[in-house]
Protein backbone atom coordinates (compact mmCIF):
# COMPACT_ATOMS: atom_id res chain seq x y z
CA UNK A 1 108.94 80.15 98.40
CA UNK A 2 106.19 81.96 100.29
CA UNK A 3 107.00 83.73 103.58
CA UNK A 4 106.25 81.56 106.59
CA UNK A 5 103.48 83.79 107.96
CA UNK A 6 101.49 83.48 104.69
CA UNK A 7 101.49 79.69 104.87
CA UNK A 8 101.03 79.59 108.63
CA UNK A 9 97.89 81.74 108.59
CA UNK A 10 96.74 80.45 105.16
CA UNK A 11 96.75 83.86 103.48
CA UNK A 12 96.99 84.78 99.81
CA UNK A 13 99.68 87.42 100.42
CA UNK A 14 101.19 89.66 103.09
CA UNK A 15 98.48 92.03 104.36
CA UNK A 16 98.50 95.85 104.10
CA UNK A 17 100.03 95.90 100.63
CA UNK A 18 100.14 99.19 98.74
CA UNK A 19 98.71 97.81 95.52
CA UNK A 20 95.12 97.31 96.65
CA UNK A 21 92.36 98.60 94.41
CA UNK A 22 90.25 101.66 95.12
CA UNK A 23 87.24 99.39 95.62
CA UNK A 24 89.08 97.62 98.45
CA UNK A 25 89.89 100.84 100.27
CA UNK A 26 89.06 100.97 103.97
CA UNK A 27 86.62 103.85 104.28
CA UNK A 28 86.25 105.95 107.42
CA UNK A 29 84.80 109.42 108.11
CA UNK A 30 88.08 111.35 107.90
CA UNK A 31 88.88 109.86 104.51
CA UNK A 32 85.38 110.55 103.21
CA UNK A 33 85.65 114.20 104.26
CA UNK A 34 89.08 114.53 102.65
CA UNK A 35 87.73 113.12 99.37
CA UNK A 36 84.83 115.58 99.49
CA UNK A 37 87.26 118.51 99.83
CA UNK A 38 89.53 117.22 97.09
CA UNK A 39 86.52 116.81 94.83
CA UNK A 40 85.48 120.40 95.52
CA UNK A 41 89.01 121.61 94.73
CA UNK A 42 88.89 119.85 91.37
CA UNK A 43 85.37 121.04 90.59
CA UNK A 44 86.20 124.66 91.48
CA UNK A 45 89.60 124.59 89.77
CA UNK A 46 91.40 125.61 92.96
CA UNK A 47 93.89 124.24 95.48
CA UNK A 48 93.85 121.89 98.48
CA UNK A 49 96.24 121.49 101.40
CA UNK A 50 96.49 118.11 103.14
CA UNK A 51 98.65 117.81 106.24
CA UNK A 52 99.22 115.11 108.81
CA UNK A 53 101.76 113.21 110.85
CA UNK A 54 104.05 110.88 108.93
CA UNK A 55 102.31 107.57 108.26
CA UNK A 56 98.71 108.80 108.37
CA UNK A 57 98.17 107.86 104.72
CA UNK A 58 98.22 111.25 102.98
CA UNK A 59 99.98 110.11 99.81
CA UNK A 60 97.99 106.89 99.55
CA UNK A 61 94.69 108.74 100.03
CA UNK A 62 95.54 111.23 97.29
CA UNK A 63 96.57 108.43 94.93
CA UNK A 64 93.30 106.60 95.46
CA UNK A 65 91.33 109.80 94.89
CA UNK A 66 93.18 110.56 91.66
CA UNK A 67 92.51 107.02 90.42
CA UNK A 68 88.80 107.86 90.39
CA UNK A 69 89.21 110.80 88.00
CA UNK A 70 88.69 110.32 84.23
CA UNK A 71 92.05 110.25 82.42
CA UNK A 72 90.58 111.98 79.38
CA UNK A 73 89.84 115.11 81.44
CA UNK A 74 92.83 115.43 83.76
CA UNK A 75 96.59 115.26 83.45
CA UNK A 76 98.17 114.40 86.81
CA UNK A 77 101.80 115.15 87.64
CA UNK A 78 103.19 113.97 90.97
CA UNK A 79 106.29 115.59 92.47
CA UNK A 80 107.76 114.68 95.84
CA UNK A 81 110.89 114.59 97.99
CA UNK A 82 112.41 117.71 96.41
CA UNK A 83 113.95 120.28 98.72
CA UNK A 84 115.47 122.36 95.96
CA UNK A 85 113.27 124.39 93.63
CA UNK A 86 115.52 123.90 90.61
CA UNK A 87 115.16 120.14 90.96
CA UNK A 88 111.39 120.28 91.43
CA UNK A 89 110.76 122.51 88.43
CA UNK A 90 113.25 120.59 86.30
CA UNK A 91 111.25 117.42 86.94
CA UNK A 92 108.01 119.27 86.20
CA UNK A 93 109.53 120.41 82.91
CA UNK A 94 110.60 116.86 82.07
CA UNK A 95 107.06 115.59 82.72
CA UNK A 96 105.80 118.21 80.27
CA UNK A 97 108.54 117.54 77.72
CA UNK A 98 110.34 120.84 78.34
CA UNK A 99 113.91 121.89 78.95
CA UNK A 100 113.50 124.91 81.18
CA UNK A 101 115.83 127.92 81.32
CA UNK A 102 117.79 128.50 84.51
CA UNK A 103 116.49 132.05 84.94
CA UNK A 104 113.60 131.97 87.38
CA UNK A 105 111.15 134.37 85.68
CA UNK A 106 111.71 132.84 82.25
CA UNK A 107 111.17 129.38 83.69
CA UNK A 108 107.82 130.26 85.23
CA UNK A 109 106.67 132.04 82.09
CA UNK A 110 107.55 129.07 79.85
CA UNK A 111 105.81 126.63 82.20
CA UNK A 112 102.63 128.69 82.36
CA UNK A 113 102.49 129.21 78.61
CA UNK A 114 103.05 125.53 77.90
CA UNK A 115 100.40 124.39 80.38
CA UNK A 116 97.82 126.76 78.93
CA UNK A 117 98.56 125.95 75.29
CA UNK A 118 99.32 122.24 75.36
CA UNK A 119 97.52 120.85 78.40
CA UNK A 120 94.55 123.19 78.42
CA UNK A 121 94.51 123.23 74.62
CA UNK A 122 94.12 119.44 74.61
CA UNK A 123 90.95 119.79 76.66
CA UNK A 124 92.57 118.61 79.90
CA UNK A 125 93.12 120.20 83.27
CA UNK A 126 96.49 119.80 84.98
CA UNK A 127 96.50 118.52 88.56
CA UNK A 128 99.87 119.14 90.17
CA UNK A 129 100.52 117.07 93.31
CA UNK A 130 103.46 118.27 95.40
CA UNK A 131 104.26 115.88 98.22
CA UNK A 132 106.58 116.46 101.20
CA UNK A 133 106.02 120.20 100.71
CA UNK A 134 107.28 120.92 104.24
CA UNK A 135 110.79 120.31 102.84
CA UNK A 136 110.57 123.08 100.25
CA UNK A 137 112.49 126.32 100.61
CA UNK A 138 110.80 129.71 100.66
CA UNK A 139 111.60 130.71 97.09
CA UNK A 140 110.17 127.47 95.73
CA UNK A 141 106.94 127.96 97.66
CA UNK A 142 106.68 131.46 96.20
CA UNK A 143 107.25 130.10 92.67
CA UNK A 144 104.48 127.57 93.22
CA UNK A 145 102.16 130.42 94.16
CA UNK A 146 103.12 132.34 91.03
CA UNK A 147 102.56 129.28 88.87
CA UNK A 148 98.95 129.13 90.07
CA UNK A 149 98.48 132.88 89.79
CA UNK A 150 98.52 133.66 86.05
CA UNK A 151 96.23 135.99 84.10
CA UNK A 152 95.51 138.30 87.04
CA UNK A 153 93.60 135.52 88.89
CA UNK A 154 91.00 135.30 86.12
CA UNK A 155 92.00 131.75 85.34
CA UNK A 156 94.14 129.27 87.24
CA UNK A 157 96.12 126.99 84.90
CA UNK A 158 96.82 124.38 87.59
CA UNK A 159 94.81 122.53 90.23
CA UNK A 160 97.25 122.24 93.11
CA UNK A 161 97.34 119.52 95.78
CA UNK A 162 99.93 120.37 98.43
CA UNK A 163 100.84 117.61 100.91
CA UNK A 164 103.08 117.74 103.94
CA UNK A 165 103.58 117.10 107.62
CA UNK A 166 101.66 119.02 110.26
CA UNK A 167 104.12 121.89 110.58
CA UNK A 168 103.67 122.81 106.91
CA UNK A 169 100.66 124.89 107.97
CA UNK A 170 102.73 126.92 110.40
CA UNK A 171 105.43 127.34 107.78
CA UNK A 172 102.94 128.77 105.30
CA UNK A 173 101.21 131.01 107.82
CA UNK A 174 104.24 132.39 109.65
CA UNK A 175 107.08 132.60 107.15
CA UNK A 176 105.85 135.08 104.58
CA UNK A 177 103.78 132.63 102.56
CA UNK A 178 100.33 133.83 103.61
CA UNK A 179 99.32 134.40 99.97
CA UNK A 180 99.97 130.74 99.11
CA UNK A 181 98.23 129.61 102.30
CA UNK A 182 95.18 131.70 101.44
CA UNK A 183 95.20 130.14 97.97
CA UNK A 184 94.70 126.76 99.64
CA UNK A 185 90.92 127.05 99.45
CA UNK A 186 90.34 123.59 100.92
CA UNK A 187 92.41 122.37 103.87
CA UNK A 188 92.35 119.13 105.78
CA UNK A 189 94.40 117.63 108.59
CA UNK A 190 94.52 113.83 108.45
CA UNK A 191 94.80 112.20 111.87
CA UNK A 192 95.14 108.66 113.19
CA UNK A 193 92.32 106.16 113.54
CA UNK A 194 90.22 105.72 116.66
CA UNK A 195 90.39 102.50 118.68
CA UNK A 196 87.26 101.10 117.02
CA UNK A 197 88.45 102.13 113.56
CA UNK A 198 91.79 100.44 114.23
CA UNK A 199 90.00 97.15 114.97
CA UNK A 200 87.91 97.49 111.81
CA UNK A 201 90.95 98.49 109.72
CA UNK A 202 92.96 95.44 110.78
CA UNK A 203 90.04 93.06 110.21
CA UNK A 204 89.35 94.63 106.81
CA UNK A 205 92.91 94.19 105.55
CA UNK A 206 93.22 90.66 106.89
CA UNK A 207 89.99 89.72 105.11
CA UNK A 208 91.41 91.11 101.85
CA UNK A 209 94.22 88.53 101.97
CA UNK A 210 91.95 85.59 102.72
CA UNK A 211 91.91 85.49 106.52
CA UNK A 212 88.68 83.74 107.53
CA UNK A 213 89.04 83.86 111.31
CA UNK A 214 89.70 86.36 114.07
CA UNK A 215 93.46 86.43 114.10
CA UNK A 216 93.98 88.97 116.88
CA UNK A 217 92.23 89.10 120.22
CA UNK A 218 90.42 92.32 121.16
CA UNK A 219 93.06 93.04 123.81
CA UNK A 220 95.81 92.57 121.22
CA UNK A 221 94.18 95.06 118.82
CA UNK A 222 93.59 97.57 121.61
CA UNK A 223 97.23 97.39 122.70
CA UNK A 224 98.27 97.71 119.08
CA UNK A 225 96.14 100.85 118.82
CA UNK A 226 97.76 102.31 121.92
CA UNK A 227 101.27 101.54 120.66
CA UNK A 228 100.62 102.90 117.16
CA UNK A 229 98.58 105.95 118.12
CA UNK A 230 96.17 104.97 115.35
CA UNK A 231 98.79 105.85 112.70
CA UNK A 232 98.17 103.63 109.67
CA UNK A 233 101.78 102.84 108.83
CA UNK A 234 102.53 101.85 112.41
CA UNK A 235 99.40 99.69 112.57
CA UNK A 236 100.51 97.93 109.39
CA UNK A 237 104.07 97.34 110.59
CA UNK A 238 103.12 96.18 114.09
CA UNK A 239 100.43 93.80 112.84
CA UNK A 240 102.72 92.11 110.31
CA UNK A 241 105.50 91.85 112.91
CA UNK A 242 103.04 90.32 115.39
CA UNK A 243 101.96 87.78 112.77
CA UNK A 244 105.57 86.86 112.12
CA UNK A 245 106.25 86.51 115.85
CA UNK A 246 103.17 84.34 116.33
CA UNK A 247 104.11 82.05 113.46
CA UNK A 248 107.63 81.63 114.86
CA UNK A 249 106.14 80.79 118.27
CA UNK A 250 103.76 78.26 116.74
CA UNK A 251 100.69 80.32 117.71
CA UNK A 252 97.61 80.56 115.48
CA UNK A 253 96.13 83.48 117.44
CA UNK A 254 97.78 86.74 118.39
CA UNK A 255 97.17 87.93 121.95
CA UNK A 256 98.26 91.05 123.81
CA UNK A 257 101.41 89.34 125.09
CA UNK A 258 102.69 88.81 121.55
CA UNK A 259 101.97 92.40 120.56
CA UNK A 260 103.79 93.64 123.67
CA UNK A 261 106.81 91.53 122.75
CA UNK A 262 106.84 93.01 119.24
CA UNK A 263 106.49 96.59 120.49
CA UNK A 264 109.33 96.13 123.00
CA UNK A 265 111.60 94.61 120.35
CA UNK A 266 110.88 97.42 117.88
CA UNK A 267 111.46 100.08 120.53
CA UNK A 268 114.84 98.60 121.42
CA UNK A 269 116.00 98.10 117.82
């Protein structure tokens, strides 16, 4: 049985799903600039740092960018939500088919040698994506730097994409990790959408699920922008909640009053 809001608004599915194709991506200037910097990092075999408030779409943006790269040229390994270095490097070893020694220096040496011989030897470049990097301890951040620092800087075995919340930059700059921060050749801070972009973003995603009419009034979208701060995840959640509220109230159009009701209910939950 389909959810009520899908039938009520005659949609094909719930909007703002994660499994939309790269071709259906909502494009805006910030995202275009981020993709340019990521492309330069790949082309120059270097590293990129992407930071932003939770919900700004960092992980999704990186995933869409990586989907555009040819699989025969790049091996992508994604690591996230690890606070402990042993866990992170153990998972990296598993992805590479290795059982790593517990001793730190031996572990880094084995990883570097394997990447150079088996990944590079197969004609591929390794792209290592480390998400939620603001959670990592100092020793792990130093090991990441060493992993990208083999052969006296003459050749980097790994293209590194480091993702984290805004304070990751301060952590790298002020806690003895300047060398890793300097290695982040390309840096970008992803922010929320503007008011106009928020309107376009909502309309774009509603159109993707078959909406053929203006579902939200301009005042409703503007209040939604104010309540969400232009943060993508909050826009998604508030819009779907407003659609559900409207369908339960028997309304075919969402006005500012409905959005206010949803915001108040979410704030008090």
